[in-house]
Amino acid sequence: MDEVSCQLGTLPREILWRCTHYLDPLSVVQLSSTCKDLKALLRERYSWAAFQHATTELKYYVKSWISLCPQLSGNPRPTGDICRLATPEDAPTIAIHTLPRIQAVVLNNRRSILEAYIDAGIDPDEIVVGRGWGSLLLIAAISNNTEMVEFLFEKGAKPRRSYMWLPSESSILDEVAWCNVHEKPAENWEKTALSFLERGVIFSGLHMAKELCRMPNAPHLLEVALRNGLDIHRTWESRSLLHIAASRNIPHLMKTILSHAPEQVNIHEIVRTVGGYIERQQSALDIAISEGKTKNVGFLLSMGSKPTFYSLEVAIRISNKKSVFYGDGIEEVADITDWFAWKLQWVDYVHIIASKLDLDSEEAALPLERILHSAWGSAQQGNEEDGRLYLSVLFRKMSLRTRLLYAGLIAFEAYEDSLTAAKKNIEELEERFYQLKSQWWQVWRCKVSGDRSINHEKLEDIRNNVEELDIENEARVFEYVLENVEKRLENVGKRLEDVKRQVKGLEDILELRNEATLDSP
């Protein structure tokens, strides 16, 4: 081929140029690479041939798909290729897609091939997929391919581009975030995002702000963005970064934000006008409370965030939840033991919030009436959501005059019945606790003494569990039984603490009746 190429060099250039129009792209590339003297002449045709080869559409079997671009869910990438050429043996499925060859190159992380394409003259900002979506950088980023993103940046790919509906300040980072929110989110694409942020790419969309706040190392990414020009006071649709972070249970992210803008802790609302209508965004504390973000609520209260009566009502509603699975968009708790601690934590939050509010003010009237009416209805039904853990605290925060004003809204007789039932419940729980403790000691003595016969009649509560597990090793049977009894002991103990606290709250509520009687005219 080298000898033939040299002979071709003796032909008139016009004839040689015309000949290249009848060659397929691969032949042009091969001719250009072997005929050194003609490289300058063939450069334009070489670039054209490389582009034709790169953008030739072929059918591929794709492992994962997002919109127009296959997308990898998670980081790191799985081993192997994301896509491969389809074969006649592949049955028609949704996994078969028509892609430009260069898109498959990016998805499969074929860096050397992509470098050859770019060296041949293909623009690293080339749009290779329809509707303007498929720039090479976007394909790499949306596939969570950090190595390919870094390579494209090295080759001069621009992180911003102008296209139709995109705002002028929009970046490809914003587009990737949009895809992750609306299509198929990556589990962890912070390394890819960091590649953009470290190059000074500042995002402008709400989706990217939300995506950043959910990343495991969000504080570090935020610091990088701030160093490169992100305004800590910027808002997206009336939401600041603090508002967005408040809906994620990551207190150290809010700590980072407040270290740069401590005044935001007491911004109650951000107001904007949209189409003639006024939109009001709640405070960060109210957002954290309404979504049940326990850690965030504690952090914001410790930082001096000022609660509202909305804060009080929602915190009471959450503290009244009576099961582990409460819904309403509130975070879930792992198990019943954690739930007892979680519930008491929210009761404490109610106490803290009440201490920061003026319960004698005119503003307090309607919220307090709603709270007391709800508690009255629950008390009549004997429900534990009757305010027994917080009503007395609310009344102690009021002036005597206000306490007398609201005393008529308390169902004292119903609380007497609830107190009697709670005390009886304590007796039953204490008896159950003693029984479980005896069971635990019996099993422990059998295990220590080497006696391998378990009296299942005395351990009837757990016999079926042991049989269902089909445990062959008798020593393991003892371990399982001990673990089972210990878990039950812990649950009963937590419940006992909870009911004792209820009894104390009910007794405090009934004391209010005596106070009202003494002070009545």
Foldseek 3Di string as FASTA:
>chain_A
DLVVLVVVVVDPLVVVVVVLVPDALVVLCVSLVRNVVCVVVSLVVNLVSLVCQQLDKAKKQFQADFDQAGAAAEPPGDPDARIDGDDPVDDDDPRIDIFGNNLSCLRRVVLVSVVVSVVSPDQQQDARDPPSQRRSLLNNLRNLNQVSNLVSVVSPHDQDDDDDPDDRLAGSLQVSLVRLVPIPNHPASVSNVLSCLQVLRAHDAPSSLLVLLPHPPSLVSVVSNVVSPDDQQDAHPFHGSLLSNLLPLDQVSNVSSCVVPVVLLAPQWGWDADPNDIDIDGRSLLNNLQQASLNSNVSSVVSPHQDDLSSLLSLLVVLLDDDQDRDSNHDGDDDLLVVLVSSVSSLVSNLSNLLRDACADPRNVVSVVVQLLVLQVCLVVLGPSNCLLHPLSNLVSYDLVVLLVCLVSHPLVSLVVNLVVLVVVLVVLVVVLVLLVVVLVVLVVCLVVVPLDDPCVSVVVCPVVLVVVVDDDSNVSSVVSNVVSVVVSSSSVSVSVVSVSSSVSSVSSNVSVVVSVVPDD
